[in-house]
Amino acid sequence: MKRGWGRLAPQPLTAWVMCLLAGLVLAAAWSNNPRPSREPAGWLALVVAAGLAAAVVVAGRYPIHLQYRTKVLLTTVPIYLAATLLPPVLAALTAGAGVLALQLMERKRKGSLPSDIATAAARWVIVAALSAWVADLNLGGSLAVPLALLAAALVMLAGDIVTGAFEIAPMSDEPPVTEMVAMLHGAGVLDAAQYIMG
C-alpha cells in the first residue's frame, strides 16, 4: 500500500490533471496562433511536423547504447526542433503525437497503463508549447536567434524535469521535489548534447 505521494496523487489523477493542462495550453496556443517569420508555409509545415513526430518514434524505439545498462533516448532532439521550427500549436501537437505513438508501440513491453501513456503524451504537449512560445519571442539585437534557441532549450529542460517528476512521483511514491532533484542530477551533459545537436 502506498503511503507517500502515490496515495496523495495517484497516477490516474496525475494523468487527468496533465491532460487538462495540455488541453488548456493547446487552446491558448490555438487562440494566439502566432505567425513567426521562420514558420514554414502551409503544407511544408505539416510535412516537417509529421517528419519530426516520426523521428520521436524512431528515436524512442532505437536508443543509443553507451555502455552496459546505459541507454540514451534521443527523443529530445526532434521535440526541440519542433519547438524551434514550428508555431507553438503545431509544435505541441507534433510532440504529443510522436510521444503518444511511441508510448502505444511500447506499452506491452513496458506494461504501461492508459494513464501512464496519457501523462507522457500530455506532458510533452505542455513542454513543447511553452518552449515554442519562448523560441518565438522577439528578443531583438544581433544575438536574438541564439538567445531564443538557448531560452527555448532552458525552458524545455526545466519543463521536462518538472513534468517528468510529476509523471514519476506516483509510481515511485516519492514527492515530486525528490524526483526533480534526481532528474536534475541525471540531466546535464547528455541533455546538453541533445540540445546542441538540435
N, C-alpha and C. Protein backbone atom coordinates (compact mmCIF):
# COMPACT_ATOMS: atom_id res chain seq x y z
N MET A 1 0.83 -1.20 0.00
CA MET A 1 0.00 0.00 0.00
C MET A 1 0.87 1.25 0.00
N LYS A 2 0.54 2.17 -0.86
CA LYS A 2 1.33 3.39 -0.95
C LYS A 2 1.03 4.30 0.23
N ARG A 3 2.09 4.92 0.74
CA ARG A 3 1.92 5.79 1.91
C ARG A 3 2.30 7.23 1.63
N GLY A 4 3.02 7.47 0.58
CA GLY A 4 3.52 8.82 0.31
C GLY A 4 2.75 9.52 -0.78
N TRP A 5 3.52 10.03 -1.75
CA TRP A 5 2.94 10.83 -2.82
C TRP A 5 1.93 10.05 -3.66
N GLY A 6 2.19 8.76 -3.89
CA GLY A 6 1.29 7.94 -4.70
C GLY A 6 -0.11 7.86 -4.13
N ARG A 7 -0.24 7.96 -2.80
CA ARG A 7 -1.56 7.94 -2.18
C ARG A 7 -2.23 9.31 -2.33
N LEU A 8 -1.44 10.39 -2.22
CA LEU A 8 -1.99 11.75 -2.33
C LEU A 8 -2.39 12.09 -3.77
N ALA A 9 -1.57 11.67 -4.73
CA ALA A 9 -1.83 11.98 -6.14
C ALA A 9 -1.59 10.71 -6.96
N PRO A 10 -2.56 9.80 -6.99
CA PRO A 10 -2.37 8.57 -7.75
C PRO A 10 -2.23 8.86 -9.25
N GLN A 11 -1.65 7.91 -9.97
CA GLN A 11 -1.36 8.10 -11.40
C GLN A 11 -2.58 8.50 -12.22
N PRO A 12 -3.76 7.89 -12.03
CA PRO A 12 -4.90 8.36 -12.85
C PRO A 12 -5.23 9.85 -12.63
N LEU A 13 -5.11 10.32 -11.39
CA LEU A 13 -5.36 11.74 -11.12
C LEU A 13 -4.31 12.60 -11.80
N THR A 14 -3.06 12.17 -11.74
CA THR A 14 -1.97 12.90 -12.41
C THR A 14 -2.24 12.97 -13.90
N ALA A 15 -2.69 11.87 -14.48
CA ALA A 15 -2.99 11.84 -15.92
C ALA A 15 -4.10 12.82 -16.26
N TRP A 16 -5.16 12.84 -15.47
CA TRP A 16 -6.28 13.76 -15.73
C TRP A 16 -5.81 15.22 -15.65
N VAL A 17 -5.04 15.54 -14.62
CA VAL A 17 -4.56 16.92 -14.44
C VAL A 17 -3.64 17.31 -15.59
N MET A 18 -2.71 16.40 -15.95
CA MET A 18 -1.78 16.70 -17.03
C MET A 18 -2.52 16.87 -18.36
N CYS A 19 -3.51 16.04 -18.62
CA CYS A 19 -4.30 16.17 -19.87
C CYS A 19 -5.10 17.46 -19.88
N LEU A 20 -5.65 17.85 -18.75
CA LEU A 20 -6.38 19.11 -18.65
C LEU A 20 -5.45 20.29 -18.93
N LEU A 21 -4.26 20.27 -18.33
CA LEU A 21 -3.29 21.34 -18.58
C LEU A 21 -2.86 21.37 -20.04
N ALA A 22 -2.64 20.19 -20.62
CA ALA A 22 -2.27 20.12 -22.04
C ALA A 22 -3.38 20.70 -22.92
N GLY A 23 -4.63 20.41 -22.59
CA GLY A 23 -5.75 20.97 -23.34
C GLY A 23 -5.82 22.48 -23.24
N LEU A 24 -5.56 23.01 -22.04
CA LEU A 24 -5.56 24.46 -21.85
C LEU A 24 -4.41 25.11 -22.62
N VAL A 25 -3.25 24.49 -22.60
CA VAL A 25 -2.10 25.02 -23.34
C VAL A 25 -2.38 25.01 -24.84
N LEU A 26 -2.96 23.92 -25.34
CA LEU A 26 -3.30 23.86 -26.77
C LEU A 26 -4.34 24.91 -27.14
N ALA A 27 -5.34 25.10 -26.28
CA ALA A 27 -6.36 26.11 -26.56
C ALA A 27 -5.75 27.51 -26.59
N ALA A 28 -4.84 27.78 -25.66
CA ALA A 28 -4.17 29.09 -25.65
C ALA A 28 -3.30 29.27 -26.89
N ALA A 29 -2.58 28.22 -27.27
CA ALA A 29 -1.73 28.30 -28.47
C ALA A 29 -2.58 28.49 -29.72
N TRP A 30 -3.70 27.80 -29.77
CA TRP A 30 -4.60 27.90 -30.93
C TRP A 30 -5.18 29.31 -31.03
N SER A 31 -5.57 29.90 -29.90
CA SER A 31 -6.19 31.22 -29.93
C SER A 31 -5.18 32.31 -30.29
N ASN A 32 -3.92 32.15 -29.87
CA ASN A 32 -2.89 33.14 -30.21
C ASN A 32 -2.45 33.01 -31.65
N ASN A 33 -2.26 31.76 -32.10
CA ASN A 33 -1.86 31.44 -33.47
C ASN A 33 -0.83 32.42 -34.05
N PRO A 34 0.35 32.52 -33.37
CA PRO A 34 1.36 33.45 -33.88
C PRO A 34 1.92 32.98 -35.22
N ARG A 35 2.34 33.92 -36.04
CA ARG A 35 2.92 33.61 -37.35
C ARG A 35 4.36 34.12 -37.37
N PRO A 36 5.31 33.35 -36.80
CA PRO A 36 6.70 33.83 -36.80
C PRO A 36 7.28 33.83 -38.21
N SER A 37 8.26 34.67 -38.44
CA SER A 37 8.82 34.82 -39.78
C SER A 37 9.52 33.54 -40.24
N ARG A 38 10.00 32.71 -39.31
CA ARG A 38 10.70 31.49 -39.72
C ARG A 38 9.75 30.32 -39.92
N GLU A 39 8.44 30.52 -39.79
CA GLU A 39 7.47 29.43 -39.91
C GLU A 39 7.41 28.90 -41.35
N PRO A 40 7.57 27.59 -41.54
CA PRO A 40 7.39 27.03 -42.88
C PRO A 40 5.94 27.24 -43.32
N ALA A 41 5.73 27.48 -44.58
CA ALA A 41 4.40 27.81 -45.08
C ALA A 41 3.59 26.56 -45.37
N GLY A 42 2.31 26.64 -45.05
CA GLY A 42 1.31 25.65 -45.44
C GLY A 42 1.67 24.20 -45.27
N TRP A 43 1.65 23.47 -46.40
CA TRP A 43 1.87 22.03 -46.36
C TRP A 43 3.26 21.67 -45.87
N LEU A 44 4.23 22.51 -46.13
CA LEU A 44 5.59 22.23 -45.69
C LEU A 44 5.66 22.11 -44.17
N ALA A 45 4.91 22.96 -43.46
CA ALA A 45 4.88 22.88 -42.00
C ALA A 45 4.33 21.53 -41.54
N LEU A 46 3.30 21.05 -42.23
CA LEU A 46 2.72 19.75 -41.87
C LEU A 46 3.68 18.61 -42.17
N VAL A 47 4.41 18.71 -43.28
CA VAL A 47 5.41 17.69 -43.62
C VAL A 47 6.52 17.67 -42.57
N VAL A 48 6.99 18.86 -42.19
CA VAL A 48 8.03 18.95 -41.17
C VAL A 48 7.52 18.37 -39.85
N ALA A 49 6.29 18.71 -39.47
CA ALA A 49 5.71 18.19 -38.23
C ALA A 49 5.59 16.68 -38.26
N ALA A 50 5.12 16.13 -39.37
CA ALA A 50 4.98 14.67 -39.49
C ALA A 50 6.35 13.99 -39.42
N GLY A 51 7.33 14.58 -40.09
CA GLY A 51 8.68 14.02 -40.05
C GLY A 51 9.28 14.04 -38.66
N LEU A 52 9.07 15.13 -37.92
CA LEU A 52 9.60 15.23 -36.56
C LEU A 52 8.86 14.29 -35.60
N ALA A 53 7.56 14.13 -35.78
CA ALA A 53 6.80 13.18 -34.95
C ALA A 53 7.31 11.75 -35.20
N ALA A 54 7.56 11.43 -36.47
CA ALA A 54 8.12 10.11 -36.80
C ALA A 54 9.52 9.96 -36.21
N ALA A 55 10.31 11.03 -36.20
CA ALA A 55 11.65 10.99 -35.62
C ALA A 55 11.60 10.72 -34.11
N VAL A 56 10.58 11.25 -33.43
CA VAL A 56 10.40 10.97 -31.99
C VAL A 56 10.20 9.47 -31.79
N VAL A 57 9.36 8.88 -32.63
CA VAL A 57 9.08 7.44 -32.53
C VAL A 57 10.35 6.63 -32.78
N VAL A 58 11.06 6.95 -33.84
CA VAL A 58 12.28 6.20 -34.18
C VAL A 58 13.33 6.36 -33.08
N ALA A 59 13.51 7.58 -32.59
CA ALA A 59 14.50 7.82 -31.54
C ALA A 59 14.13 7.07 -30.26
N GLY A 60 12.85 6.97 -29.97
CA GLY A 60 12.42 6.25 -28.78
C GLY A 60 12.51 4.74 -28.92
N ARG A 61 12.28 4.24 -30.12
CA ARG A 61 12.32 2.79 -30.37
C ARG A 61 13.74 2.26 -30.47
N TYR A 62 14.66 3.10 -30.89
CA TYR A 62 16.04 2.66 -31.10
C TYR A 62 17.01 3.53 -30.31
N PRO A 63 17.10 3.30 -29.01
CA PRO A 63 18.03 4.11 -28.19
C PRO A 63 19.48 3.80 -28.53
N ILE A 64 20.35 4.71 -28.17
CA ILE A 64 21.79 4.52 -28.37
C ILE A 64 22.35 3.89 -27.09
N HIS A 65 23.05 2.78 -27.24
CA HIS A 65 23.65 2.09 -26.10
C HIS A 65 25.06 2.64 -25.87
N LEU A 66 25.25 3.31 -24.74
CA LEU A 66 26.56 3.88 -24.43
C LEU A 66 27.47 2.85 -23.78
N GLN A 67 26.92 2.12 -22.84
CA GLN A 67 27.65 1.05 -22.16
C GLN A 67 26.62 0.10 -21.57
N TYR A 68 27.08 -0.93 -20.89
CA TYR A 68 26.18 -1.92 -20.34
C TYR A 68 25.15 -1.26 -19.43
N ARG A 69 23.88 -1.50 -19.73
CA ARG A 69 22.74 -0.95 -18.99
C ARG A 69 22.63 0.57 -19.04
N THR A 70 23.25 1.20 -20.00
CA THR A 70 23.14 2.64 -20.16
C THR A 70 22.70 2.94 -21.58
N LYS A 71 21.46 3.45 -21.69
CA LYS A 71 20.90 3.80 -22.99
C LYS A 71 20.52 5.28 -22.98
N VAL A 72 20.61 5.88 -24.16
CA VAL A 72 20.20 7.27 -24.30
C VAL A 72 19.13 7.35 -25.38
N LEU A 73 17.98 7.91 -24.99
CA LEU A 73 16.91 8.17 -25.96
C LEU A 73 17.11 9.57 -26.51
N LEU A 74 17.16 9.69 -27.80
CA LEU A 74 17.37 10.99 -28.43
C LEU A 74 16.05 11.65 -28.84
N THR A 75 14.98 11.39 -28.12
CA THR A 75 13.69 11.99 -28.44
C THR A 75 13.67 13.50 -28.24
N THR A 76 14.55 14.00 -27.39
CA THR A 76 14.59 15.44 -27.14
C THR A 76 14.96 16.22 -28.40
N VAL A 77 15.81 15.65 -29.23
CA VAL A 77 16.28 16.37 -30.43
C VAL A 77 15.11 16.74 -31.35
N PRO A 78 14.26 15.77 -31.80
CA PRO A 78 13.16 16.18 -32.68
C PRO A 78 12.12 17.06 -31.98
N ILE A 79 11.92 16.86 -30.68
CA ILE A 79 10.95 17.72 -29.98
C ILE A 79 11.48 19.15 -29.89
N TYR A 80 12.78 19.29 -29.63
CA TYR A 80 13.39 20.62 -29.60
C TYR A 80 13.33 21.28 -30.98
N LEU A 81 13.58 20.50 -32.03
CA LEU A 81 13.47 21.05 -33.38
C LEU A 81 12.04 21.50 -33.68
N ALA A 82 11.07 20.72 -33.25
CA ALA A 82 9.67 21.12 -33.45
C ALA A 82 9.38 22.44 -32.74
N ALA A 83 9.90 22.57 -31.51
CA ALA A 83 9.64 23.79 -30.74
C ALA A 83 10.30 25.01 -31.35
N THR A 84 11.43 24.81 -32.03
CA THR A 84 12.15 25.97 -32.58
C THR A 84 11.80 26.26 -34.04
N LEU A 85 11.22 25.28 -34.74
CA LEU A 85 10.91 25.48 -36.16
C LEU A 85 9.43 25.73 -36.45
N LEU A 86 8.56 25.27 -35.57
CA LEU A 86 7.12 25.31 -35.83
C LEU A 86 6.42 26.27 -34.88
N PRO A 87 5.24 26.74 -35.25
CA PRO A 87 4.46 27.57 -34.32
C PRO A 87 4.04 26.73 -33.11
N PRO A 88 3.77 27.36 -31.97
CA PRO A 88 3.50 26.62 -30.73
C PRO A 88 2.44 25.53 -30.84
N VAL A 89 1.31 25.80 -31.49
CA VAL A 89 0.26 24.78 -31.53
C VAL A 89 0.71 23.56 -32.33
N LEU A 90 1.41 23.78 -33.43
CA LEU A 90 1.88 22.66 -34.24
C LEU A 90 3.04 21.93 -33.56
N ALA A 91 3.89 22.67 -32.87
CA ALA A 91 4.98 22.04 -32.12
C ALA A 91 4.42 21.14 -31.01
N ALA A 92 3.40 21.64 -30.32
CA ALA A 92 2.78 20.86 -29.24
C ALA A 92 2.12 19.60 -29.78
N LEU A 93 1.40 19.73 -30.89
CA LEU A 93 0.74 18.57 -31.48
C LEU A 93 1.76 17.57 -32.02
N THR A 94 2.86 18.06 -32.56
CA THR A 94 3.93 17.18 -33.06
C THR A 94 4.53 16.37 -31.93
N ALA A 95 4.89 17.05 -30.85
CA ALA A 95 5.48 16.36 -29.70
C ALA A 95 4.49 15.37 -29.10
N GLY A 96 3.26 15.82 -28.91
CA GLY A 96 2.25 14.94 -28.32
C GLY A 96 1.95 13.72 -29.16
N ALA A 97 1.83 13.91 -30.48
CA ALA A 97 1.55 12.79 -31.38
C ALA A 97 2.71 11.81 -31.42
N GLY A 98 3.94 12.33 -31.48
CA GLY A 98 5.11 11.46 -31.51
C GLY A 98 5.25 10.64 -30.24
N VAL A 99 5.10 11.29 -29.11
CA VAL A 99 5.22 10.58 -27.83
C VAL A 99 4.06 9.60 -27.65
N LEU A 100 2.85 9.99 -28.04
CA LEU A 100 1.70 9.09 -27.93
C LEU A 100 1.91 7.84 -28.78
N ALA A 101 2.35 8.01 -30.02
CA ALA A 101 2.60 6.85 -30.89
C ALA A 101 3.69 5.96 -30.30
N LEU A 102 4.75 6.56 -29.78
CA LEU A 102 5.83 5.79 -29.17
C LEU A 102 5.34 5.02 -27.96
N GLN A 103 4.57 5.69 -27.10
CA GLN A 103 4.05 5.04 -25.89
C GLN A 103 3.12 3.87 -26.24
N LEU A 104 2.29 4.05 -27.26
CA LEU A 104 1.38 2.98 -27.66
C LEU A 104 2.15 1.78 -28.21
N MET A 105 3.22 2.04 -28.96
CA MET A 105 4.03 0.95 -29.50
C MET A 105 4.78 0.19 -28.40
N GLU A 106 5.16 0.91 -27.35
CA GLU A 106 5.97 0.33 -26.28
C GLU A 106 5.14 -0.16 -25.09
N ARG A 107 3.82 -0.02 -25.14
CA ARG A 107 3.00 -0.28 -23.95
C ARG A 107 3.07 -1.71 -23.46
N LYS A 108 3.10 -2.69 -24.34
CA LYS A 108 3.16 -4.08 -23.89
C LYS A 108 4.51 -4.39 -23.27
N ARG A 109 5.57 -3.93 -23.90
CA ARG A 109 6.91 -4.20 -23.38
C ARG A 109 7.13 -3.55 -22.02
N LYS A 110 6.62 -2.32 -21.86
CA LYS A 110 6.79 -1.59 -20.61
C LYS A 110 5.70 -1.88 -19.59
N GLY A 111 4.60 -2.44 -20.03
CA GLY A 111 3.47 -2.66 -19.13
C GLY A 111 2.77 -1.37 -18.74
N SER A 112 2.73 -0.41 -19.66
CA SER A 112 2.14 0.90 -19.37
C SER A 112 0.63 0.82 -19.30
N LEU A 113 0.08 1.55 -18.35
CA LEU A 113 -1.37 1.71 -18.23
C LEU A 113 -1.81 2.89 -19.09
N PRO A 114 -3.10 2.98 -19.42
CA PRO A 114 -3.57 4.13 -20.19
C PRO A 114 -3.23 5.47 -19.53
N SER A 115 -3.27 5.53 -18.20
CA SER A 115 -2.93 6.78 -17.52
C SER A 115 -1.46 7.13 -17.68
N ASP A 116 -0.58 6.12 -17.74
CA ASP A 116 0.85 6.38 -17.97
C ASP A 116 1.06 6.98 -19.37
N ILE A 117 0.39 6.39 -20.34
CA ILE A 117 0.51 6.85 -21.73
C ILE A 117 -0.02 8.27 -21.88
N ALA A 118 -1.17 8.54 -21.28
CA ALA A 118 -1.77 9.87 -21.36
C ALA A 118 -0.88 10.92 -20.70
N THR A 119 -0.31 10.57 -19.54
CA THR A 119 0.56 11.52 -18.84
C THR A 119 1.79 11.84 -19.67
N ALA A 120 2.42 10.82 -20.25
CA ALA A 120 3.63 11.03 -21.04
C ALA A 120 3.36 11.94 -22.24
N ALA A 121 2.29 11.67 -22.97
CA ALA A 121 1.97 12.48 -24.14
C ALA A 121 1.57 13.90 -23.74
N ALA A 122 0.75 14.03 -22.72
CA ALA A 122 0.27 15.36 -22.30
C ALA A 122 1.40 16.24 -21.79
N ARG A 123 2.32 15.65 -21.07
CA ARG A 123 3.41 16.49 -20.53
C ARG A 123 4.29 17.05 -21.65
N TRP A 124 4.47 16.27 -22.73
CA TRP A 124 5.29 16.79 -23.83
C TRP A 124 4.53 17.80 -24.66
N VAL A 125 3.22 17.73 -24.69
CA VAL A 125 2.43 18.80 -25.34
C VAL A 125 2.69 20.12 -24.61
N ILE A 126 2.65 20.07 -23.29
CA ILE A 126 2.87 21.27 -22.48
C ILE A 126 4.28 21.81 -22.68
N VAL A 127 5.27 20.94 -22.56
CA VAL A 127 6.67 21.36 -22.65
C VAL A 127 6.99 21.93 -24.03
N ALA A 128 6.53 21.26 -25.09
CA ALA A 128 6.81 21.73 -26.44
C ALA A 128 6.14 23.08 -26.72
N ALA A 129 4.91 23.24 -26.27
CA ALA A 129 4.21 24.52 -26.50
C ALA A 129 4.91 25.66 -25.78
N LEU A 130 5.28 25.45 -24.52
CA LEU A 130 5.97 26.51 -23.76
C LEU A 130 7.31 26.85 -24.39
N SER A 131 8.05 25.83 -24.81
CA SER A 131 9.35 26.06 -25.45
C SER A 131 9.18 26.80 -26.78
N ALA A 132 8.15 26.46 -27.55
CA ALA A 132 7.91 27.14 -28.82
C ALA A 132 7.52 28.60 -28.60
N TRP A 133 6.74 28.87 -27.57
CA TRP A 133 6.40 30.26 -27.26
C TRP A 133 7.67 31.07 -26.97
N VAL A 134 8.57 30.48 -26.19
CA VAL A 134 9.82 31.17 -25.86
C VAL A 134 10.67 31.35 -27.11
N ALA A 135 10.73 30.33 -27.95
CA ALA A 135 11.51 30.42 -29.19
C ALA A 135 10.96 31.51 -30.11
N ASP A 136 9.67 31.80 -30.03
CA ASP A 136 9.04 32.81 -30.88
C ASP A 136 9.20 34.23 -30.36
N LEU A 137 9.74 34.40 -29.15
CA LEU A 137 9.89 35.74 -28.61
C LEU A 137 10.83 36.56 -29.48
N ASN A 138 10.45 37.80 -29.71
CA ASN A 138 11.29 38.70 -30.48
C ASN A 138 12.20 39.45 -29.52
N LEU A 139 13.41 38.92 -29.34
CA LEU A 139 14.33 39.49 -28.36
C LEU A 139 15.10 40.69 -28.91
N GLY A 140 15.15 40.82 -30.22
CA GLY A 140 15.84 41.95 -30.84
C GLY A 140 17.36 41.83 -30.70
N GLY A 141 18.07 42.63 -31.47
CA GLY A 141 19.52 42.65 -31.41
C GLY A 141 20.16 41.57 -32.27
N SER A 142 21.49 41.62 -32.32
CA SER A 142 22.23 40.69 -33.17
C SER A 142 22.26 39.27 -32.60
N LEU A 143 22.01 39.12 -31.32
CA LEU A 143 22.03 37.79 -30.70
C LEU A 143 20.63 37.23 -30.49
N ALA A 144 19.66 37.75 -31.21
CA ALA A 144 18.27 37.35 -31.00
C ALA A 144 18.05 35.86 -31.22
N VAL A 145 18.56 35.31 -32.31
CA VAL A 145 18.33 33.90 -32.62
C VAL A 145 19.05 32.99 -31.62
N PRO A 146 20.35 33.20 -31.35
CA PRO A 146 21.00 32.33 -30.36
C PRO A 146 20.35 32.41 -28.98
N LEU A 147 19.94 33.62 -28.58
CA LEU A 147 19.30 33.77 -27.27
C LEU A 147 17.95 33.05 -27.23
N ALA A 148 17.19 33.15 -28.32
CA ALA A 148 15.89 32.46 -28.39
C ALA A 148 16.08 30.95 -28.35
N LEU A 149 17.08 30.44 -29.05
CA LEU A 149 17.35 29.00 -29.05
C LEU A 149 17.80 28.52 -27.66
N LEU A 150 18.65 29.31 -27.01
CA LEU A 150 19.11 28.96 -25.67
C LEU A 150 17.94 29.02 -24.67
N ALA A 151 17.13 30.06 -24.76
CA ALA A 151 15.99 30.19 -23.86
C ALA A 151 15.00 29.04 -24.05
N ALA A 152 14.75 28.66 -25.31
CA ALA A 152 13.85 27.53 -25.58
C ALA A 152 14.41 26.24 -25.00
N ALA A 153 15.73 26.04 -25.12
CA ALA A 153 16.36 24.84 -24.56
C ALA A 153 16.24 24.82 -23.04
N LEU A 154 16.44 25.96 -22.39
CA LEU A 154 16.34 26.02 -20.93
C LEU A 154 14.90 25.76 -20.46
N VAL A 155 13.94 26.33 -21.18
CA VAL A 155 12.54 26.10 -20.83
C VAL A 155 12.18 24.63 -21.03
N MET A 156 12.68 24.03 -22.12
CA MET A 156 12.38 22.62 -22.37
C MET A 156 13.01 21.74 -21.30
N LEU A 157 14.24 22.02 -20.91
CA LEU A 157 14.90 21.23 -19.87
C LEU A 157 14.14 21.36 -18.55
N ALA A 158 13.79 22.59 -18.18
CA ALA A 158 13.05 22.81 -16.93
C ALA A 158 11.67 22.14 -16.99
N GLY A 159 10.99 22.29 -18.11
CA GLY A 159 9.68 21.66 -18.27
C GLY A 159 9.74 20.16 -18.21
N ASP A 160 10.78 19.59 -18.83
CA ASP A 160 10.97 18.14 -18.79
C ASP A 160 11.17 17.66 -17.36
N ILE A 161 12.00 18.36 -16.60
CA ILE A 161 12.28 17.96 -15.23
C ILE A 161 11.04 18.09 -14.35
N VAL A 162 10.33 19.20 -14.46
CA VAL A 162 9.15 19.42 -13.61
C VAL A 162 8.03 18.44 -13.96
N THR A 163 7.67 18.35 -15.23
CA THR A 163 6.57 17.47 -15.60
C THR A 163 6.96 16.00 -15.46
N GLY A 164 8.23 15.69 -15.74
CA GLY A 164 8.71 14.31 -15.56
C GLY A 164 8.63 13.87 -14.12
N ALA A 165 8.94 14.78 -13.20
CA ALA A 165 8.85 14.46 -11.78
C ALA A 165 7.41 14.13 -11.38
N PHE A 166 6.46 14.88 -11.91
CA PHE A 166 5.06 14.59 -11.60
C PHE A 166 4.58 13.31 -12.27
N GLU A 167 5.22 12.93 -13.37
CA GLU A 167 4.88 11.66 -14.02
C GLU A 167 5.42 10.47 -13.21
N ILE A 168 6.62 10.61 -12.67
CA ILE A 168 7.29 9.51 -11.98
C ILE A 168 6.86 9.41 -10.52
N ALA A 169 6.56 10.53 -9.87
CA ALA A 169 6.28 10.54 -8.43
C ALA A 169 5.19 9.55 -8.00
N PRO A 170 4.06 9.43 -8.70
CA PRO A 170 3.05 8.46 -8.25
C PRO A 170 3.53 7.01 -8.32
N MET A 171 4.44 6.73 -9.25
CA MET A 171 4.95 5.36 -9.39
C MET A 171 6.02 5.05 -8.36
N SER A 172 6.86 6.04 -8.04
CA SER A 172 7.95 5.82 -7.09
C SER A 172 7.51 6.07 -5.64
N ASP A 173 6.37 6.72 -5.47
CA ASP A 173 5.83 7.07 -4.15
C ASP A 173 6.70 8.10 -3.43
N GLU A 174 7.51 8.81 -4.19
CA GLU A 174 8.35 9.88 -3.65
C GLU A 174 7.72 11.22 -4.00
N PRO A 175 7.99 12.27 -3.22
CA PRO A 175 7.46 13.59 -3.57
C PRO A 175 8.09 14.09 -4.88
N PRO A 176 7.36 14.90 -5.65
CA PRO A 176 7.90 15.41 -6.91
C PRO A 176 9.23 16.16 -6.75
N VAL A 177 9.42 16.86 -5.64
CA VAL A 177 10.67 17.60 -5.45
C VAL A 177 11.86 16.64 -5.40
N THR A 178 11.69 15.50 -4.75
CA THR A 178 12.76 14.49 -4.71
C THR A 178 13.08 13.99 -6.11
N GLU A 179 12.03 13.76 -6.90
CA GLU A 179 12.23 13.30 -8.28
C GLU A 179 12.89 14.38 -9.13
N MET A 180 12.53 15.65 -8.90
CA MET A 180 13.14 16.74 -9.66
C MET A 180 14.64 16.81 -9.39
N VAL A 181 15.02 16.67 -8.13
CA VAL A 181 16.45 16.70 -7.78
C VAL A 181 17.18 15.54 -8.44
N ALA A 182 16.58 14.35 -8.40
CA ALA A 182 17.20 13.17 -9.03
C ALA A 182 17.33 13.37 -10.54
N MET A 183 16.29 13.92 -11.17
CA MET A 183 16.34 14.15 -12.61
C MET A 183 17.35 15.23 -12.97
N LEU A 184 17.47 16.24 -12.13
CA LEU A 184 18.44 17.30 -12.38
C LEU A 184 19.86 16.76 -12.32
N HIS A 185 20.11 15.85 -11.37
CA HIS A 185 21.44 15.23 -11.28
C HIS A 185 21.69 14.32 -12.48
N GLY A 186 20.63 13.65 -12.96
CA GLY A 186 20.77 12.75 -14.10
C GLY A 186 20.89 13.49 -15.42
N ALA A 187 20.39 14.73 -15.45
CA ALA A 187 20.50 15.54 -16.68
C ALA A 187 21.93 16.05 -16.79
N GLY A 188 22.15 16.96 -17.64
CA GLY A 188 23.49 17.52 -17.73
C GLY A 188 24.08 17.35 -19.11
N VAL A 189 25.21 16.66 -19.16
CA VAL A 189 25.98 16.57 -20.40
C VAL A 189 25.17 15.92 -21.52
N LEU A 190 24.46 14.82 -21.22
CA LEU A 190 23.70 14.13 -22.27
C LEU A 190 22.56 14.99 -22.80
N ASP A 191 21.84 15.67 -21.90
CA ASP A 191 20.77 16.56 -22.36
C ASP A 191 21.33 17.75 -23.13
N ALA A 192 22.42 18.32 -22.61
CA ALA A 192 23.03 19.46 -23.31
C ALA A 192 23.47 19.05 -24.72
N ALA A 193 24.00 17.85 -24.85
CA ALA A 193 24.43 17.37 -26.17
C ALA A 193 23.25 17.26 -27.13
N GLN A 194 22.09 16.85 -26.61
CA GLN A 194 20.91 16.74 -27.47
C GLN A 194 20.45 18.11 -27.95
N TYR A 195 20.52 19.12 -27.08
CA TYR A 195 20.12 20.46 -27.50
C TYR A 195 21.10 21.02 -28.52
N ILE A 196 22.39 20.74 -28.34
CA ILE A 196 23.39 21.20 -29.31
C ILE A 196 23.15 20.52 -30.66
N MET A 197 22.83 19.21 -30.64
CA MET A 197 22.53 18.50 -31.88
C MET A 197 21.30 19.12 -32.56
N GLY A 198 20.29 19.45 -31.75
CA GLY A 198 19.08 20.08 -32.29
C GLY A 198 19.38 21.41 -32.89
